[in-house]
Amino acid sequence: MTRSADEIRDWLRTRVSNLTGVPPAEINENEPLLRLGLDSVGVVTLSADLETWAGYRFKENPLEQYPTINALAEFLAAESARKT
């Protein structure tokens, strides 16, 4: 299934909100996710949930290379489009 960057951004914003307690409207999509209060358990949880939802298997922690919602969404949208 191909996912758009906007769809991925929306999912990430909602999931990060659930994990951190930060309201979705207050999440800056250009701010590194670790600054929003994700701890190590939150990072692992987010990565695992994202793999399941997006159907993409990460080889490493995706937040190291794509630390913001926007960067991660753009990367995954490009990968999703490549697979089709």
C-alpha atoms as a PDB file:
ATOM      1  CA  MET A   1       0.000   0.000   0.000  1.00  0.00           C
ATOM      2  CA  THR A   2       1.356   3.406  -0.983  1.00  0.00           C
ATOM      3  CA  ARG A   3       1.244   6.015   1.776  1.00  0.00           C
ATOM      4  CA  SER A   4       1.503   9.748   1.108  1.00  0.00           C
ATOM      5  CA  ALA A   5       3.774  12.008   3.123  1.00  0.00           C
ATOM      6  CA  ASP A   6       0.693  13.808   4.493  1.00  0.00           C
ATOM      7  CA  GLU A   7      -0.892  10.537   5.608  1.00  0.00           C
ATOM      8  CA  ILE A   8       2.338   9.474   7.295  1.00  0.00           C
ATOM      9  CA  ARG A   9       2.726  12.891   8.962  1.00  0.00           C
ATOM     10  CA  ASP A  10      -0.810  12.678  10.362  1.00  0.00           C
ATOM     11  CA  TRP A  11      -0.225   9.172  11.690  1.00  0.00           C
ATOM     12  CA  LEU A  12       3.112  10.163  13.260  1.00  0.00           C
ATOM     13  CA  ARG A  13       1.658  13.292  14.874  1.00  0.00           C
ATOM     14  CA  THR A  14      -1.182  11.288  16.424  1.00  0.00           C
ATOM     15  CA  ARG A  15       1.065   8.442  17.580  1.00  0.00           C
ATOM     16  CA  VAL A  16       3.686  10.784  19.056  1.00  0.00           C
ATOM     17  CA  SER A  17       0.896  12.623  20.849  1.00  0.00           C
ATOM     18  CA  ASN A  18      -0.335   9.353  22.334  1.00  0.00           C
ATOM     19  CA  LEU A  19       3.164   8.402  23.468  1.00  0.00           C
ATOM     20  CA  THR A  20       4.169  11.781  24.926  1.00  0.00           C
ATOM     21  CA  GLY A  21       0.931  13.406  26.020  1.00  0.00           C
ATOM     22  CA  VAL A  22       1.704  16.461  23.882  1.00  0.00           C
ATOM     23  CA  PRO A  23      -1.475  17.565  22.054  1.00  0.00           C
ATOM     24  CA  PRO A  24      -1.237  16.954  18.290  1.00  0.00           C
ATOM     25  CA  ALA A  25      -1.742  20.652  17.516  1.00  0.00           C
ATOM     26  CA  GLU A  26       1.336  21.510  19.614  1.00  0.00           C
ATOM     27  CA  ILE A  27       3.672  19.106  17.825  1.00  0.00           C
ATOM     28  CA  ASN A  28       6.137  20.886  15.564  1.00  0.00           C
ATOM     29  CA  GLU A  29       6.771  18.583  12.605  1.00  0.00           C
ATOM     30  CA  ASN A  30      10.233  20.101  12.077  1.00  0.00           C
ATOM     31  CA  GLU A  31      11.413  19.611  15.657  1.00  0.00           C
ATOM     32  CA  PRO A  32      13.413  16.493  16.495  1.00  0.00           C
ATOM     33  CA  LEU A  33      11.049  13.941  18.007  1.00  0.00           C
ATOM     34  CA  LEU A  34      13.362  13.272  20.912  1.00  0.00           C
ATOM     35  CA  ARG A  35      12.841  16.863  22.062  1.00  0.00           C
ATOM     36  CA  LEU A  36       9.122  16.176  22.389  1.00  0.00           C
ATOM     37  CA  GLY A  37       9.683  13.812  25.288  1.00  0.00           C
ATOM     38  CA  LEU A  38      10.044  10.419  23.617  1.00  0.00           C
ATOM     39  CA  ASP A  39      12.131   8.191  25.834  1.00  0.00           C
ATOM     40  CA  SER A  40      13.935   5.030  24.700  1.00  0.00           C
ATOM     41  CA  VAL A  41      10.806   2.911  25.192  1.00  0.00           C
ATOM     42  CA  GLY A  42       8.783   5.443  23.203  1.00  0.00           C
ATOM     43  CA  VAL A  43      11.297   5.362  20.343  1.00  0.00           C
ATOM     44  CA  VAL A  44      11.162   1.565  20.158  1.00  0.00           C
ATOM     45  CA  THR A  45       7.373   1.584  20.388  1.00  0.00           C
ATOM     46  CA  LEU A  46       7.034   4.262  17.709  1.00  0.00           C
ATOM     47  CA  SER A  47       9.424   2.419  15.380  1.00  0.00           C
ATOM     48  CA  ALA A  48       7.662  -0.925  15.840  1.00  0.00           C
ATOM     49  CA  ASP A  49       4.197   0.588  15.377  1.00  0.00           C
ATOM     50  CA  LEU A  50       5.353   2.503  12.316  1.00  0.00           C
ATOM     51  CA  GLU A  51       6.840  -0.644  10.770  1.00  0.00           C
ATOM     52  CA  THR A  52       3.537  -2.444  11.238  1.00  0.00           C
ATOM     53  CA  TRP A  53       1.398   0.430   9.999  1.00  0.00           C
ATOM     54  CA  ALA A  54       3.565   1.426   7.024  1.00  0.00           C
ATOM     55  CA  GLY A  55       4.704  -2.063   6.073  1.00  0.00           C
ATOM     56  CA  TYR A  56       8.332  -0.961   6.050  1.00  0.00           C
ATOM     57  CA  ARG A  57      11.112  -2.694   7.992  1.00  0.00           C
ATOM     58  CA  PHE A  58      13.743  -0.368   9.439  1.00  0.00           C
ATOM     59  CA  LYS A  59      17.313  -1.645   9.607  1.00  0.00           C
ATOM     60  CA  GLU A  60      18.257   0.903  12.291  1.00  0.00           C
ATOM     61  CA  ASN A  61      16.594   3.449  14.528  1.00  0.00           C
ATOM     62  CA  PRO A  62      14.876   5.690  11.942  1.00  0.00           C
ATOM     63  CA  LEU A  63      15.093   8.733  14.205  1.00  0.00           C
ATOM     64  CA  GLU A  64      18.870   8.811  13.902  1.00  0.00           C
ATOM     65  CA  GLN A  65      18.731   9.544  10.183  1.00  0.00           C
ATOM     66  CA  TYR A  66      15.239  11.117  10.028  1.00  0.00           C
ATOM     67  CA  PRO A  67      14.785  12.891  13.381  1.00  0.00           C
ATOM     68  CA  THR A  68      11.670  14.922  12.579  1.00  0.00           C
ATOM     69  CA  ILE A  69       8.144  14.010  11.562  1.00  0.00           C
ATOM     70  CA  ASN A  70       8.615  15.779   8.233  1.00  0.00           C
ATOM     71  CA  ALA A  71      11.909  14.048   7.438  1.00  0.00           C
ATOM     72  CA  LEU A  72      10.577  10.629   8.400  1.00  0.00           C
ATOM     73  CA  ALA A  73       7.309  11.127   6.489  1.00  0.00           C
ATOM     74  CA  GLU A  74       9.115  12.216   3.314  1.00  0.00           C
ATOM     75  CA  PHE A  75      11.505   9.261   3.516  1.00  0.00           C
ATOM     76  CA  LEU A  76       8.728   6.721   4.058  1.00  0.00           C
ATOM     77  CA  ALA A  77       6.538   8.201   1.324  1.00  0.00           C
ATOM     78  CA  ALA A  78       9.437   7.920  -1.131  1.00  0.00           C
ATOM     79  CA  GLU A  79      10.128   4.333  -0.036  1.00  0.00           C
ATOM     80  CA  SER A  80       6.426   3.485  -0.314  1.00  0.00           C
ATOM     81  CA  ALA A  81       6.259   4.899  -3.849  1.00  0.00           C
ATOM     82  CA  ARG A  82       9.420   3.005  -4.834  1.00  0.00           C
ATOM     83  CA  LYS A  83       7.891  -0.315  -3.800  1.00  0.00           C
ATOM     84  CA  THR A  84       4.914   0.070  -6.149  1.00  0.00           C
END
